[in-house]
């Protein structure tokens, strides 16, 4: 099966690039890559024909997963002209916070800014995507499946929303 090959061979790769599924739902290949390869995933929209990174938006919630994605994205962040760390108001107090991420990136000679957003009546994922689009993001960096898998299946979550609705490439890690 393709998912088994990707999970095994992904362990000896730097990055796994996966196209967004036609259905917008999680596939066994995507899940095997994220859960079993131990490597970052670059999810690319099917209609994408050009990859040029000028602006990167990082969905920061202080999780281990986004921390890994942040580390994996450092080479790409160094190439970007603008880096925005983005946190929902409900996660702004989680430590380390976005200001500490700005300091961390500065140690790598990456200039960044920190913004928070309010969800209002929409989901965090939808509000985050709006912020990314407002900043004209060329790439999103985020953690994958930061909630327990059963929680994601029942209540949905950021990863599932992004799989179904993104028009941007997403670098994610678990």
N, C-alpha and C. Protein backbone atom coordinates (compact mmCIF):
# COMPACT_ATOMS: atom_id res chain seq x y z
N UNK A 1 0.82 -1.18 0.00
CA UNK A 1 0.00 0.00 0.00
C UNK A 1 0.87 1.25 0.00
N UNK A 2 0.41 2.27 -0.68
CA UNK A 2 1.15 3.52 -0.76
C UNK A 2 1.40 4.11 0.63
N UNK A 3 0.41 4.04 1.50
CA UNK A 3 0.57 4.63 2.83
C UNK A 3 1.69 3.95 3.61
N UNK A 4 1.83 2.64 3.48
CA UNK A 4 2.90 1.91 4.16
C UNK A 4 4.27 2.30 3.61
N UNK A 5 4.36 2.43 2.30
CA UNK A 5 5.63 2.82 1.67
C UNK A 5 6.03 4.22 2.11
N UNK A 6 5.07 5.14 2.11
CA UNK A 6 5.36 6.52 2.53
C UNK A 6 5.81 6.55 3.99
N UNK A 7 5.12 5.82 4.86
CA UNK A 7 5.47 5.81 6.29
C UNK A 7 6.89 5.27 6.49
N UNK A 8 7.27 4.24 5.74
CA UNK A 8 8.60 3.66 5.88
C UNK A 8 9.67 4.52 5.23
N UNK A 9 9.48 4.84 3.96
CA UNK A 9 10.49 5.59 3.23
C UNK A 9 10.59 7.05 3.68
N UNK A 10 9.50 7.57 4.26
CA UNK A 10 9.53 8.93 4.77
C UNK A 10 10.53 9.10 5.90
N UNK A 11 10.85 8.03 6.59
CA UNK A 11 11.80 8.09 7.69
C UNK A 11 13.20 8.46 7.24
N UNK A 12 13.50 8.25 5.96
CA UNK A 12 14.81 8.60 5.41
C UNK A 12 14.68 9.71 4.38
N UNK A 13 13.74 10.61 4.62
CA UNK A 13 13.54 11.79 3.77
C UNK A 13 13.59 13.03 4.65
N UNK A 14 13.87 14.17 4.05
CA UNK A 14 13.87 15.43 4.79
C UNK A 14 12.47 16.01 4.90
N UNK A 15 11.66 15.77 3.88
CA UNK A 15 10.34 16.37 3.79
C UNK A 15 9.47 15.47 2.93
N UNK A 16 8.21 15.31 3.32
CA UNK A 16 7.26 14.54 2.52
C UNK A 16 6.26 15.53 1.93
N UNK A 17 6.16 15.54 0.63
CA UNK A 17 5.24 16.43 -0.06
C UNK A 17 4.03 15.64 -0.50
N UNK A 18 2.85 16.10 -0.09
CA UNK A 18 1.61 15.39 -0.39
C UNK A 18 0.61 16.38 -0.99
N UNK A 19 -0.03 15.99 -2.09
CA UNK A 19 -1.08 16.88 -2.62
C UNK A 19 -2.33 16.80 -1.76
N UNK A 20 -3.06 17.89 -1.71
CA UNK A 20 -4.35 17.91 -1.02
C UNK A 20 -5.25 16.88 -1.68
N UNK A 21 -5.98 16.12 -0.89
CA UNK A 21 -6.84 15.09 -1.46
C UNK A 21 -7.97 15.74 -2.25
N UNK A 22 -8.44 15.03 -3.25
CA UNK A 22 -9.54 15.55 -4.07
C UNK A 22 -10.80 15.78 -3.24
N UNK A 23 -11.00 14.93 -2.25
CA UNK A 23 -12.19 15.05 -1.40
C UNK A 23 -12.03 16.09 -0.30
N UNK A 24 -10.77 16.50 -0.03
CA UNK A 24 -10.51 17.42 1.06
C UNK A 24 -10.46 16.73 2.41
N UNK A 25 -10.54 15.41 2.41
CA UNK A 25 -10.51 14.66 3.67
C UNK A 25 -9.14 14.03 3.86
N UNK A 26 -8.87 13.67 5.08
CA UNK A 26 -7.63 13.01 5.42
C UNK A 26 -7.56 11.66 4.71
N UNK A 27 -6.41 11.35 4.14
CA UNK A 27 -6.23 10.05 3.47
C UNK A 27 -5.29 9.18 4.31
N UNK A 28 -5.28 7.90 4.01
CA UNK A 28 -4.38 7.00 4.75
C UNK A 28 -2.92 7.37 4.49
N UNK A 29 -2.62 7.86 3.28
CA UNK A 29 -1.25 8.28 2.97
C UNK A 29 -0.86 9.48 3.82
N UNK A 30 -1.75 10.46 3.92
CA UNK A 30 -1.46 11.64 4.74
C UNK A 30 -1.28 11.23 6.20
N UNK A 31 -2.19 10.44 6.72
CA UNK A 31 -2.13 10.05 8.13
C UNK A 31 -0.88 9.22 8.44
N UNK A 32 -0.52 8.31 7.54
CA UNK A 32 0.69 7.51 7.76
C UNK A 32 1.92 8.40 7.74
N UNK A 33 1.92 9.38 6.85
CA UNK A 33 3.06 10.30 6.77
C UNK A 33 3.20 11.10 8.05
N UNK A 34 2.11 11.65 8.52
CA UNK A 34 2.12 12.49 9.72
C UNK A 34 2.40 11.67 10.96
N UNK A 35 1.72 10.56 11.10
CA UNK A 35 1.77 9.79 12.36
C UNK A 35 2.98 8.88 12.48
N UNK A 36 3.52 8.40 11.34
CA UNK A 36 4.52 7.34 11.45
C UNK A 36 5.88 7.65 10.84
N UNK A 37 6.00 8.70 10.04
CA UNK A 37 7.30 8.96 9.41
C UNK A 37 8.25 9.73 10.32
N UNK A 38 7.70 10.53 11.22
CA UNK A 38 8.55 11.36 12.06
C UNK A 38 9.13 12.55 11.32
N UNK A 39 8.61 12.84 10.16
CA UNK A 39 9.13 13.93 9.32
C UNK A 39 8.05 14.96 9.04
N UNK A 40 8.48 16.16 8.63
CA UNK A 40 7.48 17.19 8.30
C UNK A 40 6.78 16.86 6.99
N UNK A 41 5.57 17.38 6.88
CA UNK A 41 4.74 17.17 5.69
C UNK A 41 4.49 18.54 5.06
N UNK A 42 4.62 18.61 3.75
CA UNK A 42 4.21 19.81 3.03
C UNK A 42 2.97 19.41 2.24
N UNK A 43 1.83 19.90 2.69
CA UNK A 43 0.56 19.65 2.01
C UNK A 43 0.39 20.74 0.96
N UNK A 44 0.24 20.34 -0.29
CA UNK A 44 0.18 21.29 -1.39
C UNK A 44 -1.19 21.23 -2.05
N UNK A 45 -1.86 22.39 -2.20
CA UNK A 45 -3.14 22.39 -2.92
C UNK A 45 -2.96 21.85 -4.34
N UNK A 46 -3.91 21.09 -4.82
CA UNK A 46 -3.80 20.47 -6.14
C UNK A 46 -3.65 21.47 -7.27
N UNK A 47 -4.29 22.63 -7.14
CA UNK A 47 -4.25 23.60 -8.22
C UNK A 47 -2.98 24.45 -8.21
N UNK A 48 -2.12 24.26 -7.22
CA UNK A 48 -0.91 25.07 -7.09
C UNK A 48 0.09 24.72 -8.17
N UNK A 49 0.62 25.75 -8.83
CA UNK A 49 1.59 25.52 -9.91
C UNK A 49 2.92 26.19 -9.64
N UNK A 50 2.97 27.06 -8.61
CA UNK A 50 4.19 27.82 -8.33
C UNK A 50 4.39 27.90 -6.82
N UNK A 51 5.61 27.68 -6.36
CA UNK A 51 5.91 27.73 -4.93
C UNK A 51 6.96 28.80 -4.68
N UNK A 52 6.53 29.95 -4.19
CA UNK A 52 7.43 31.06 -3.89
C UNK A 52 7.03 31.59 -2.52
N UNK A 53 7.96 31.59 -1.60
CA UNK A 53 7.64 31.97 -0.23
C UNK A 53 8.09 33.39 0.03
N UNK A 54 7.12 34.27 0.18
CA UNK A 54 7.40 35.65 0.60
C UNK A 54 6.89 35.89 2.02
N UNK A 55 5.70 35.36 2.30
CA UNK A 55 5.09 35.54 3.61
C UNK A 55 4.69 34.20 4.20
N UNK A 56 5.12 33.96 5.43
CA UNK A 56 4.80 32.73 6.15
C UNK A 56 4.01 33.10 7.40
N UNK A 57 2.90 32.40 7.61
CA UNK A 57 2.11 32.58 8.82
C UNK A 57 2.19 31.29 9.63
N UNK A 58 2.57 31.43 10.88
CA UNK A 58 2.73 30.29 11.77
C UNK A 58 1.55 30.26 12.73
N UNK A 59 0.82 29.17 12.75
CA UNK A 59 -0.30 28.99 13.68
C UNK A 59 0.23 28.49 15.01
N UNK A 60 0.50 29.41 15.93
CA UNK A 60 1.14 29.06 17.20
C UNK A 60 0.11 28.83 18.31
N UNK A 61 0.15 27.63 18.91
CA UNK A 61 -0.70 27.33 20.07
C UNK A 61 0.12 26.73 21.21
N UNK A 62 1.44 26.86 21.11
CA UNK A 62 2.39 26.37 22.12
C UNK A 62 2.42 24.85 22.25
N UNK A 63 1.90 24.13 21.27
CA UNK A 63 1.92 22.67 21.32
C UNK A 63 3.27 22.12 20.88
N UNK A 64 3.54 20.91 21.28
CA UNK A 64 4.76 20.22 20.85
C UNK A 64 4.78 20.09 19.33
N UNK A 65 3.61 19.84 18.74
CA UNK A 65 3.52 19.63 17.30
C UNK A 65 3.91 20.88 16.51
N UNK A 66 3.42 22.04 16.92
CA UNK A 66 3.77 23.26 16.19
C UNK A 66 5.23 23.63 16.47
N UNK A 67 5.73 23.30 17.64
CA UNK A 67 7.14 23.53 17.94
C UNK A 67 8.03 22.75 16.96
N UNK A 68 7.67 21.50 16.70
CA UNK A 68 8.42 20.70 15.73
C UNK A 68 8.32 21.30 14.33
N UNK A 69 7.11 21.68 13.95
CA UNK A 69 6.91 22.28 12.62
C UNK A 69 7.74 23.56 12.48
N UNK A 70 7.79 24.35 13.54
CA UNK A 70 8.58 25.58 13.54
C UNK A 70 10.05 25.27 13.28
N UNK A 71 10.59 24.30 13.99
CA UNK A 71 12.00 23.93 13.80
C UNK A 71 12.25 23.43 12.38
N UNK A 72 11.37 22.57 11.88
CA UNK A 72 11.54 22.07 10.51
C UNK A 72 11.45 23.18 9.47
N UNK A 73 10.71 24.24 9.78
CA UNK A 73 10.49 25.30 8.79
C UNK A 73 11.59 26.36 8.78
N UNK A 74 12.56 26.30 9.68
CA UNK A 74 13.58 27.34 9.77
C UNK A 74 14.24 27.68 8.43
N UNK A 75 14.65 26.71 7.62
CA UNK A 75 15.27 27.08 6.34
C UNK A 75 14.32 27.89 5.43
N UNK A 76 13.04 27.56 5.47
CA UNK A 76 12.06 28.30 4.67
C UNK A 76 11.81 29.69 5.25
N UNK A 77 11.76 29.78 6.57
CA UNK A 77 11.54 31.06 7.23
C UNK A 77 12.67 32.04 6.93
N UNK A 78 13.88 31.53 6.82
CA UNK A 78 15.04 32.39 6.50
C UNK A 78 14.92 33.00 5.11
N UNK A 79 14.21 32.33 4.21
CA UNK A 79 14.03 32.84 2.85
C UNK A 79 12.86 33.82 2.73
N UNK A 80 11.95 33.78 3.68
CA UNK A 80 10.75 34.61 3.62
C UNK A 80 11.07 36.08 3.87
N UNK A 81 10.28 36.94 3.28
CA UNK A 81 10.41 38.37 3.51
C UNK A 81 9.61 38.80 4.76
N UNK A 82 8.56 38.05 5.08
CA UNK A 82 7.70 38.38 6.22
C UNK A 82 7.30 37.10 6.93
N UNK A 83 7.41 37.08 8.26
CA UNK A 83 7.01 35.94 9.07
C UNK A 83 6.08 36.46 10.16
N UNK A 84 4.91 35.85 10.25
CA UNK A 84 3.90 36.27 11.23
C UNK A 84 3.56 35.08 12.13
N UNK A 85 3.72 35.27 13.43
CA UNK A 85 3.29 34.26 14.40
C UNK A 85 1.88 34.65 14.80
N UNK A 86 0.96 33.72 14.65
CA UNK A 86 -0.46 34.02 14.80
C UNK A 86 -1.07 33.10 15.85
N UNK A 87 -1.73 33.69 16.84
CA UNK A 87 -2.33 32.93 17.94
C UNK A 87 -3.75 33.43 18.20
N UNK A 88 -4.65 32.50 18.47
CA UNK A 88 -6.00 32.91 18.85
C UNK A 88 -5.95 33.52 20.25
N UNK A 89 -6.86 34.42 20.52
CA UNK A 89 -6.91 35.08 21.83
C UNK A 89 -7.03 34.05 22.95
N UNK A 90 -7.72 32.94 22.69
CA UNK A 90 -7.90 31.91 23.72
C UNK A 90 -6.61 31.14 24.02
N UNK A 91 -5.63 31.19 23.09
CA UNK A 91 -4.35 30.50 23.32
C UNK A 91 -3.21 31.46 23.63
N UNK A 92 -3.49 32.76 23.67
CA UNK A 92 -2.44 33.76 23.82
C UNK A 92 -1.65 33.63 25.12
N UNK A 93 -2.26 33.07 26.17
CA UNK A 93 -1.59 32.94 27.47
C UNK A 93 -0.77 31.66 27.60
N UNK A 94 -0.89 30.76 26.63
CA UNK A 94 -0.13 29.52 26.71
C UNK A 94 1.35 29.82 26.54
N UNK A 95 2.15 29.08 27.28
CA UNK A 95 3.59 29.31 27.25
C UNK A 95 4.30 28.19 26.53
N UNK A 96 5.32 28.47 25.77
CA UNK A 96 5.83 29.80 25.47
C UNK A 96 4.87 30.54 24.54
N UNK A 97 4.76 31.84 24.76
CA UNK A 97 3.81 32.62 23.96
C UNK A 97 4.47 33.14 22.68
N UNK A 98 3.70 33.84 21.89
CA UNK A 98 4.19 34.33 20.60
C UNK A 98 5.36 35.27 20.69
N UNK A 99 5.44 36.05 21.77
CA UNK A 99 6.58 36.96 21.94
C UNK A 99 7.88 36.17 22.11
N UNK A 100 7.78 35.03 22.79
CA UNK A 100 8.97 34.19 22.96
C UNK A 100 9.36 33.53 21.63
N UNK A 101 8.39 33.25 20.79
CA UNK A 101 8.69 32.70 19.45
C UNK A 101 9.42 33.76 18.63
N UNK A 102 9.00 35.01 18.73
CA UNK A 102 9.68 36.11 18.03
C UNK A 102 11.15 36.15 18.46
N UNK A 103 11.41 36.03 19.77
CA UNK A 103 12.79 36.03 20.27
C UNK A 103 13.57 34.82 19.76
N UNK A 104 12.93 33.66 19.76
CA UNK A 104 13.57 32.44 19.26
C UNK A 104 13.97 32.60 17.80
N UNK A 105 13.06 33.10 17.00
CA UNK A 105 13.37 33.28 15.58
C UNK A 105 14.47 34.32 15.37
N UNK A 106 14.49 35.35 16.20
CA UNK A 106 15.55 36.36 16.11
C UNK A 106 16.93 35.74 16.33
N UNK A 107 17.00 34.72 17.18
CA UNK A 107 18.28 34.02 17.39
C UNK A 107 18.75 33.33 16.12
N UNK A 108 17.83 33.11 15.20
CA UNK A 108 18.17 32.50 13.90
C UNK A 108 18.20 33.55 12.79
N UNK A 109 18.28 34.82 13.19
CA UNK A 109 18.30 35.95 12.25
C UNK A 109 17.05 36.01 11.38
N UNK A 110 15.91 35.67 11.97
CA UNK A 110 14.62 35.73 11.28
C UNK A 110 13.78 36.79 11.98
N UNK A 111 13.45 37.84 11.26
CA UNK A 111 12.60 38.89 11.81
C UNK A 111 11.14 38.44 11.68
N UNK A 112 10.38 38.61 12.76
CA UNK A 112 8.98 38.18 12.73
C UNK A 112 8.13 39.12 13.57
N UNK A 113 6.84 38.98 13.41
CA UNK A 113 5.90 39.75 14.23
C UNK A 113 4.87 38.79 14.81
N UNK A 114 4.27 39.22 15.92
CA UNK A 114 3.29 38.39 16.62
C UNK A 114 1.95 39.09 16.60
N UNK A 115 0.90 38.35 16.20
CA UNK A 115 -0.46 38.89 16.20
C UNK A 115 -1.40 37.88 16.86
N UNK A 116 -2.43 38.41 17.50
CA UNK A 116 -3.48 37.56 18.03
C UNK A 116 -4.77 37.89 17.27
N UNK A 117 -5.68 36.94 17.28
CA UNK A 117 -6.97 37.16 16.63
C UNK A 117 -8.08 36.60 17.50
N UNK A 118 -9.26 37.16 17.34
CA UNK A 118 -10.45 36.67 18.02
C UNK A 118 -11.26 35.84 17.02
N UNK A 119 -11.76 34.73 17.48
CA UNK A 119 -12.56 33.86 16.62
C UNK A 119 -13.92 34.47 16.32
N UNK A 120 -14.44 35.22 17.28
CA UNK A 120 -15.81 35.66 17.15
C UNK A 120 -16.71 34.44 17.19
N UNK A 121 -17.60 34.32 16.24
CA UNK A 121 -18.52 33.18 16.21
C UNK A 121 -18.06 32.06 15.28
N UNK A 122 -16.91 32.25 14.68
CA UNK A 122 -16.43 31.20 13.78
C UNK A 122 -15.40 30.31 14.47
N UNK A 123 -15.10 29.20 13.87
CA UNK A 123 -14.13 28.27 14.44
C UNK A 123 -12.74 28.90 14.43
N UNK A 124 -11.87 28.42 15.30
CA UNK A 124 -10.49 28.90 15.34
C UNK A 124 -9.83 28.67 13.99
N UNK A 125 -10.07 27.52 13.40
CA UNK A 125 -9.45 27.19 12.11
C UNK A 125 -9.87 28.18 11.01
N UNK A 126 -11.14 28.47 10.95
CA UNK A 126 -11.65 29.40 9.93
C UNK A 126 -11.10 30.81 10.16
N UNK A 127 -11.09 31.24 11.42
CA UNK A 127 -10.55 32.56 11.75
C UNK A 127 -9.06 32.63 11.42
N UNK A 128 -8.33 31.56 11.74
CA UNK A 128 -6.90 31.52 11.43
C UNK A 128 -6.67 31.62 9.92
N UNK A 129 -7.44 30.88 9.15
CA UNK A 129 -7.29 30.92 7.70
C UNK A 129 -7.56 32.33 7.17
N UNK A 130 -8.52 33.02 7.74
CA UNK A 130 -8.80 34.40 7.35
C UNK A 130 -7.61 35.31 7.63
N UNK A 131 -6.97 35.12 8.79
CA UNK A 131 -5.80 35.91 9.14
C UNK A 131 -4.66 35.61 8.17
N UNK A 132 -4.45 34.35 7.85
CA UNK A 132 -3.39 33.98 6.90
C UNK A 132 -3.64 34.64 5.55
N UNK A 133 -4.87 34.63 5.10
CA UNK A 133 -5.20 35.26 3.82
C UNK A 133 -5.05 36.78 3.90
N UNK A 134 -5.41 37.37 5.03
CA UNK A 134 -5.27 38.81 5.22
C UNK A 134 -3.80 39.24 5.10
N UNK A 135 -2.89 38.39 5.55
CA UNK A 135 -1.47 38.68 5.48
C UNK A 135 -0.85 38.23 4.15
N UNK A 136 -1.70 37.77 3.23
CA UNK A 136 -1.23 37.28 1.92
C UNK A 136 -0.18 36.18 2.06
N UNK A 137 -0.45 35.24 2.95
CA UNK A 137 0.48 34.15 3.21
C UNK A 137 0.71 33.31 1.97
N UNK A 138 1.95 32.89 1.82
CA UNK A 138 2.32 31.95 0.76
C UNK A 138 2.51 30.55 1.34
N UNK A 139 2.64 30.49 2.67
CA UNK A 139 2.86 29.21 3.36
C UNK A 139 2.33 29.34 4.78
N UNK A 140 1.71 28.28 5.25
CA UNK A 140 1.26 28.18 6.64
C UNK A 140 2.11 27.11 7.31
N UNK A 141 2.54 27.38 8.53
CA UNK A 141 3.26 26.40 9.35
C UNK A 141 2.40 26.13 10.57
N UNK A 142 2.16 24.85 10.86
CA UNK A 142 1.31 24.49 11.99
C UNK A 142 1.58 23.06 12.45
N UNK A 143 1.10 22.75 13.62
CA UNK A 143 1.16 21.38 14.12
C UNK A 143 0.02 20.58 13.50
N UNK A 144 0.19 19.28 13.47
CA UNK A 144 -0.85 18.40 12.94
C UNK A 144 -1.40 17.52 14.05
N UNK A 145 -2.72 17.43 14.10
CA UNK A 145 -3.40 16.58 15.08
C UNK A 145 -2.89 16.84 16.50
N UNK A 146 -2.99 18.10 16.94
CA UNK A 146 -2.52 18.43 18.28
C UNK A 146 -3.46 17.92 19.37
N UNK A 147 -4.72 17.63 19.01
CA UNK A 147 -5.65 17.01 19.97
C UNK A 147 -5.57 15.50 19.79
N UNK A 148 -6.04 14.79 20.74
CA UNK A 148 -6.10 13.33 20.60
C UNK A 148 -6.91 12.98 19.36
N UNK A 149 -6.54 11.92 18.72
CA UNK A 149 -7.16 11.53 17.44
C UNK A 149 -8.68 11.40 17.56
N UNK A 150 -9.17 10.82 18.64
CA UNK A 150 -10.61 10.64 18.80
C UNK A 150 -11.31 11.99 18.90
N UNK A 151 -10.68 12.95 19.57
CA UNK A 151 -11.24 14.31 19.66
C UNK A 151 -11.35 14.92 18.26
N UNK A 152 -10.30 14.76 17.45
CA UNK A 152 -10.31 15.30 16.08
C UNK A 152 -11.43 14.66 15.26
N UNK A 153 -11.62 13.35 15.42
CA UNK A 153 -12.64 12.65 14.64
C UNK A 153 -14.04 13.08 15.02
N UNK A 154 -14.28 13.30 16.31
CA UNK A 154 -15.62 13.64 16.77
C UNK A 154 -15.91 15.13 16.57
N UNK A 155 -14.99 15.97 17.00
CA UNK A 155 -15.24 17.41 17.00
C UNK A 155 -14.62 18.14 15.82
N UNK A 156 -13.85 17.42 15.00
CA UNK A 156 -13.13 18.12 13.94
C UNK A 156 -11.89 18.72 14.56
N UNK A 157 -11.30 19.65 13.89
CA UNK A 157 -10.12 20.29 14.42
C UNK A 157 -9.43 21.07 13.32
N UNK A 158 -8.39 21.74 13.72
CA UNK A 158 -7.64 22.59 12.80
C UNK A 158 -7.08 21.78 11.62
N UNK A 159 -6.50 20.63 11.90
CA UNK A 159 -5.90 19.84 10.83
C UNK A 159 -6.95 19.44 9.80
N UNK A 160 -8.07 18.90 10.26
CA UNK A 160 -9.11 18.48 9.31
C UNK A 160 -9.69 19.66 8.54
N UNK A 161 -9.87 20.80 9.21
CA UNK A 161 -10.38 21.98 8.52
C UNK A 161 -9.41 22.42 7.43
N UNK A 162 -8.14 22.46 7.77
CA UNK A 162 -7.14 22.89 6.79
C UNK A 162 -7.04 21.92 5.62
N UNK A 163 -7.13 20.63 5.89
CA UNK A 163 -7.11 19.65 4.80
C UNK A 163 -8.24 19.90 3.81
N UNK A 164 -9.39 20.25 4.32
CA UNK A 164 -10.56 20.43 3.47
C UNK A 164 -10.62 21.80 2.81
N UNK A 165 -10.05 22.82 3.43
CA UNK A 165 -10.32 24.18 2.97
C UNK A 165 -9.12 25.00 2.53
N UNK A 166 -7.93 24.49 2.67
CA UNK A 166 -6.78 25.33 2.37
C UNK A 166 -6.63 25.62 0.88
N UNK A 167 -6.17 26.81 0.61
CA UNK A 167 -5.77 27.18 -0.75
C UNK A 167 -4.28 27.50 -0.72
N UNK A 168 -3.65 27.25 0.43
CA UNK A 168 -2.24 27.55 0.64
C UNK A 168 -1.48 26.27 0.96
N UNK A 169 -0.20 26.21 0.64
CA UNK A 169 0.60 25.07 1.10
C UNK A 169 0.78 25.17 2.61
N UNK A 170 0.82 24.01 3.25
CA UNK A 170 0.95 23.97 4.71
C UNK A 170 2.09 23.02 5.08
N UNK A 171 3.03 23.53 5.86
CA UNK A 171 4.07 22.68 6.42
C UNK A 171 3.62 22.32 7.82
N UNK A 172 3.49 21.03 8.07
CA UNK A 172 3.03 20.59 9.38
C UNK A 172 3.83 19.41 9.88
N UNK A 173 3.80 19.25 11.19
CA UNK A 173 4.49 18.14 11.83
C UNK A 173 3.70 17.70 13.05
N UNK A 174 3.99 16.49 13.48
CA UNK A 174 3.33 15.96 14.67
C UNK A 174 4.38 15.55 15.68
